[in-house]
Amino acid sequence: MFNSPYIVKIVVDGDNANFKDSAGIMLLSKDGKNLRLSASLLTFSSLELPNTVENISSYALYNANAKHVYFHEKVAVVGNDVFSSTYL
């Protein structure tokens, strides 16, 4: 997965069998266990991942404008270059 520097909002149709969005800023697997992508043009002082997330895909937070990212204890896998081009 990749993160475009131009994504402002992520919206997934509720009938989508594979994915869902979280607050319009994150693309998650339908079961919420995998963070695939985040919006990159929004600026957050902090970003809290849903407590269902167990896996953060490579580049999922690439270019994210967050100063703090909060993980829950369920996060077991963090992919390559997750924090590339971020302020973290």
N, C-alpha and C. Protein backbone atom coordinates (compact mmCIF):
# COMPACT_ATOMS: atom_id res chain seq x y z
N MET A 1 0.85 -1.17 0.00
CA MET A 1 0.00 0.00 0.00
C MET A 1 0.89 1.23 0.00
N PHE A 2 0.43 2.30 -0.47
CA PHE A 2 1.19 3.54 -0.48
C PHE A 2 0.31 4.65 0.06
N ASN A 3 0.91 5.76 0.37
CA ASN A 3 0.15 6.90 0.84
C ASN A 3 0.47 8.09 -0.05
N SER A 4 -0.51 8.60 -0.71
CA SER A 4 -0.33 9.76 -1.58
C SER A 4 -0.26 11.02 -0.73
N PRO A 5 0.59 11.96 -1.10
CA PRO A 5 0.65 13.22 -0.35
C PRO A 5 -0.58 14.10 -0.56
N TYR A 6 -1.54 13.65 -1.33
CA TYR A 6 -2.70 14.46 -1.66
C TYR A 6 -4.02 13.94 -1.08
N ILE A 7 -3.99 12.95 -0.23
CA ILE A 7 -5.23 12.40 0.33
C ILE A 7 -5.71 13.28 1.47
N VAL A 8 -6.93 13.79 1.33
CA VAL A 8 -7.52 14.65 2.34
C VAL A 8 -8.52 13.87 3.19
N LYS A 9 -9.27 12.97 2.57
CA LYS A 9 -10.30 12.23 3.27
C LYS A 9 -10.44 10.84 2.65
N ILE A 10 -10.70 9.87 3.50
CA ILE A 10 -10.90 8.50 3.05
C ILE A 10 -12.33 8.10 3.38
N VAL A 11 -13.08 7.74 2.35
CA VAL A 11 -14.48 7.33 2.54
C VAL A 11 -14.68 5.98 1.86
N VAL A 12 -15.18 5.02 2.62
CA VAL A 12 -15.44 3.68 2.09
C VAL A 12 -16.93 3.40 2.23
N ASP A 13 -17.54 2.95 1.16
CA ASP A 13 -18.95 2.59 1.18
C ASP A 13 -19.17 1.51 2.24
N GLY A 14 -20.22 1.64 3.01
CA GLY A 14 -20.53 0.70 4.07
C GLY A 14 -20.75 -0.73 3.58
N ASP A 15 -21.07 -0.89 2.30
CA ASP A 15 -21.28 -2.21 1.72
C ASP A 15 -19.99 -2.87 1.24
N ASN A 16 -18.87 -2.16 1.32
CA ASN A 16 -17.60 -2.72 0.87
C ASN A 16 -17.26 -3.94 1.73
N ALA A 17 -16.98 -5.06 1.08
CA ALA A 17 -16.74 -6.32 1.80
C ALA A 17 -15.33 -6.42 2.39
N ASN A 18 -14.40 -5.56 1.96
CA ASN A 18 -13.01 -5.71 2.37
C ASN A 18 -12.46 -4.61 3.26
N PHE A 19 -12.99 -3.41 3.13
CA PHE A 19 -12.43 -2.27 3.84
C PHE A 19 -13.50 -1.43 4.51
N LYS A 20 -13.05 -0.60 5.47
CA LYS A 20 -13.90 0.41 6.09
C LYS A 20 -13.01 1.60 6.41
N ASP A 21 -13.63 2.76 6.62
CA ASP A 21 -12.84 3.92 7.01
C ASP A 21 -13.06 4.20 8.49
N SER A 22 -12.14 4.94 9.06
CA SER A 22 -12.27 5.35 10.45
C SER A 22 -12.16 6.86 10.50
N ALA A 23 -13.25 7.51 10.81
CA ALA A 23 -13.33 8.97 10.93
C ALA A 23 -12.90 9.70 9.67
N GLY A 24 -12.92 9.01 8.53
CA GLY A 24 -12.53 9.64 7.27
C GLY A 24 -11.04 9.88 7.12
N ILE A 25 -10.23 9.38 8.07
CA ILE A 25 -8.79 9.62 8.00
C ILE A 25 -7.95 8.36 7.93
N MET A 26 -8.57 7.19 8.10
CA MET A 26 -7.83 5.94 8.05
C MET A 26 -8.59 4.90 7.23
N LEU A 27 -7.85 4.11 6.47
CA LEU A 27 -8.41 2.98 5.74
C LEU A 27 -8.02 1.72 6.50
N LEU A 28 -9.03 0.98 6.93
CA LEU A 28 -8.83 -0.24 7.72
C LEU A 28 -9.41 -1.43 6.99
N SER A 29 -8.88 -2.62 7.31
CA SER A 29 -9.53 -3.84 6.83
C SER A 29 -10.93 -3.89 7.45
N LYS A 30 -11.81 -4.63 6.86
CA LYS A 30 -13.20 -4.67 7.33
C LYS A 30 -13.30 -5.05 8.81
N ASP A 31 -12.42 -5.96 9.27
CA ASP A 31 -12.46 -6.36 10.68
C ASP A 31 -11.74 -5.36 11.59
N GLY A 32 -11.13 -4.33 11.00
CA GLY A 32 -10.48 -3.28 11.79
C GLY A 32 -9.11 -3.65 12.32
N LYS A 33 -8.61 -4.83 11.96
CA LYS A 33 -7.32 -5.29 12.51
C LYS A 33 -6.11 -4.74 11.76
N ASN A 34 -6.30 -4.31 10.52
CA ASN A 34 -5.19 -3.85 9.70
C ASN A 34 -5.36 -2.41 9.26
N LEU A 35 -4.42 -1.56 9.64
CA LEU A 35 -4.40 -0.18 9.16
C LEU A 35 -3.64 -0.18 7.84
N ARG A 36 -4.30 0.25 6.78
CA ARG A 36 -3.71 0.20 5.45
C ARG A 36 -3.20 1.55 4.96
N LEU A 37 -3.87 2.64 5.34
CA LEU A 37 -3.58 3.94 4.75
C LEU A 37 -4.13 5.04 5.64
N SER A 38 -3.48 6.20 5.61
CA SER A 38 -4.03 7.35 6.35
C SER A 38 -4.05 8.57 5.46
N ALA A 39 -4.95 9.50 5.78
CA ALA A 39 -4.98 10.77 5.06
C ALA A 39 -3.70 11.52 5.38
N SER A 40 -3.16 12.22 4.40
CA SER A 40 -1.86 12.85 4.60
C SER A 40 -1.89 14.37 4.58
N LEU A 41 -2.94 14.98 4.11
CA LEU A 41 -2.98 16.43 4.05
C LEU A 41 -3.56 17.08 5.30
N LEU A 42 -4.07 16.29 6.21
CA LEU A 42 -4.61 16.83 7.45
C LEU A 42 -3.50 16.88 8.49
N THR A 43 -3.56 17.88 9.36
CA THR A 43 -2.57 17.99 10.42
C THR A 43 -3.22 17.65 11.75
N PHE A 44 -2.59 16.75 12.49
CA PHE A 44 -3.10 16.32 13.78
C PHE A 44 -2.04 16.59 14.82
N SER A 45 -2.46 17.06 15.99
CA SER A 45 -1.48 17.12 17.07
C SER A 45 -1.24 15.70 17.57
N SER A 46 -2.29 14.87 17.51
CA SER A 46 -2.12 13.47 17.87
C SER A 46 -3.11 12.63 17.08
N LEU A 47 -2.74 11.39 16.87
CA LEU A 47 -3.58 10.44 16.15
C LEU A 47 -3.64 9.17 16.98
N GLU A 48 -4.83 8.78 17.38
CA GLU A 48 -4.99 7.55 18.16
C GLU A 48 -5.58 6.49 17.25
N LEU A 49 -4.85 5.39 17.14
CA LEU A 49 -5.34 4.29 16.31
C LEU A 49 -6.48 3.58 17.01
N PRO A 50 -7.46 3.10 16.26
CA PRO A 50 -8.55 2.35 16.88
C PRO A 50 -8.00 1.15 17.67
N ASN A 51 -8.65 0.79 18.75
CA ASN A 51 -8.13 -0.29 19.59
C ASN A 51 -8.28 -1.67 18.96
N THR A 52 -8.82 -1.74 17.76
CA THR A 52 -8.92 -3.01 17.04
C THR A 52 -7.68 -3.30 16.20
N VAL A 53 -6.85 -2.27 15.95
CA VAL A 53 -5.70 -2.41 15.05
C VAL A 53 -4.63 -3.31 15.67
N GLU A 54 -4.23 -4.33 14.91
CA GLU A 54 -3.16 -5.25 15.31
C GLU A 54 -1.96 -5.17 14.39
N ASN A 55 -2.18 -4.70 13.16
CA ASN A 55 -1.14 -4.67 12.14
C ASN A 55 -1.18 -3.32 11.43
N ILE A 56 -0.02 -2.67 11.35
CA ILE A 56 0.08 -1.41 10.62
C ILE A 56 0.89 -1.70 9.36
N SER A 57 0.27 -1.60 8.21
CA SER A 57 0.91 -1.93 6.94
C SER A 57 2.05 -0.98 6.63
N SER A 58 3.01 -1.48 5.84
CA SER A 58 4.12 -0.64 5.38
C SER A 58 3.57 0.63 4.74
N TYR A 59 4.18 1.74 5.09
CA TYR A 59 3.84 3.06 4.55
C TYR A 59 2.44 3.56 4.95
N ALA A 60 1.77 2.90 5.87
CA ALA A 60 0.40 3.29 6.23
C ALA A 60 0.30 4.72 6.75
N LEU A 61 1.32 5.19 7.43
CA LEU A 61 1.31 6.56 7.96
C LEU A 61 2.32 7.44 7.24
N TYR A 62 2.77 7.01 6.08
CA TYR A 62 3.73 7.76 5.30
C TYR A 62 3.23 9.18 5.05
N ASN A 63 4.06 10.14 5.35
CA ASN A 63 3.75 11.55 5.12
C ASN A 63 2.60 12.08 6.00
N ALA A 64 2.25 11.36 7.03
CA ALA A 64 1.17 11.81 7.92
C ALA A 64 1.63 13.03 8.74
N ASN A 65 0.77 13.98 8.89
CA ASN A 65 1.08 15.20 9.63
C ASN A 65 0.62 15.09 11.07
N ALA A 66 1.08 14.10 11.77
CA ALA A 66 0.75 13.94 13.20
C ALA A 66 2.02 14.07 14.01
N LYS A 67 1.92 14.73 15.14
CA LYS A 67 3.10 14.88 16.00
C LYS A 67 3.20 13.73 17.00
N HIS A 68 2.09 13.08 17.30
CA HIS A 68 2.06 11.95 18.21
C HIS A 68 1.09 10.91 17.64
N VAL A 69 1.49 9.63 17.70
CA VAL A 69 0.61 8.53 17.31
C VAL A 69 0.53 7.58 18.49
N TYR A 70 -0.69 7.29 18.90
CA TYR A 70 -0.91 6.41 20.05
C TYR A 70 -1.38 5.05 19.58
N PHE A 71 -0.63 4.01 19.97
CA PHE A 71 -0.97 2.63 19.65
C PHE A 71 -1.60 2.00 20.89
N HIS A 72 -2.45 1.04 20.69
CA HIS A 72 -2.97 0.23 21.78
C HIS A 72 -2.10 -1.01 21.91
N GLU A 73 -2.23 -1.72 22.99
CA GLU A 73 -1.39 -2.89 23.25
C GLU A 73 -1.61 -4.02 22.25
N LYS A 74 -2.68 -3.98 21.47
CA LYS A 74 -2.94 -5.04 20.49
C LYS A 74 -2.04 -4.95 19.25
N VAL A 75 -1.41 -3.81 19.01
CA VAL A 75 -0.55 -3.67 17.83
C VAL A 75 0.66 -4.59 17.99
N ALA A 76 0.76 -5.56 17.08
CA ALA A 76 1.84 -6.55 17.15
C ALA A 76 2.82 -6.42 16.00
N VAL A 77 2.36 -5.88 14.86
CA VAL A 77 3.20 -5.79 13.67
C VAL A 77 3.17 -4.36 13.14
N VAL A 78 4.37 -3.82 12.92
CA VAL A 78 4.52 -2.50 12.31
C VAL A 78 5.36 -2.69 11.07
N GLY A 79 4.77 -2.38 9.92
CA GLY A 79 5.45 -2.60 8.64
C GLY A 79 6.62 -1.67 8.41
N ASN A 80 7.29 -1.88 7.30
CA ASN A 80 8.45 -1.07 6.91
C ASN A 80 8.03 0.36 6.60
N ASP A 81 8.87 1.28 6.98
CA ASP A 81 8.73 2.70 6.62
C ASP A 81 7.37 3.31 6.99
N VAL A 82 6.77 2.80 8.05
CA VAL A 82 5.48 3.32 8.49
C VAL A 82 5.55 4.81 8.78
N PHE A 83 6.65 5.26 9.34
CA PHE A 83 6.76 6.67 9.74
C PHE A 83 7.63 7.50 8.81
N SER A 84 7.87 7.03 7.60
CA SER A 84 8.66 7.81 6.65
C SER A 84 7.98 9.12 6.32
N SER A 85 8.77 10.16 6.22
CA SER A 85 8.31 11.50 5.86
C SER A 85 7.24 12.03 6.81
N THR A 86 7.36 11.73 8.09
CA THR A 86 6.44 12.25 9.09
C THR A 86 7.19 13.20 10.02
N TYR A 87 6.46 13.82 10.92
CA TYR A 87 7.07 14.70 11.92
C TYR A 87 7.40 13.95 13.20
N LEU A 88 7.23 12.63 13.20
CA LEU A 88 7.49 11.85 14.40
C LEU A 88 8.96 11.62 14.61
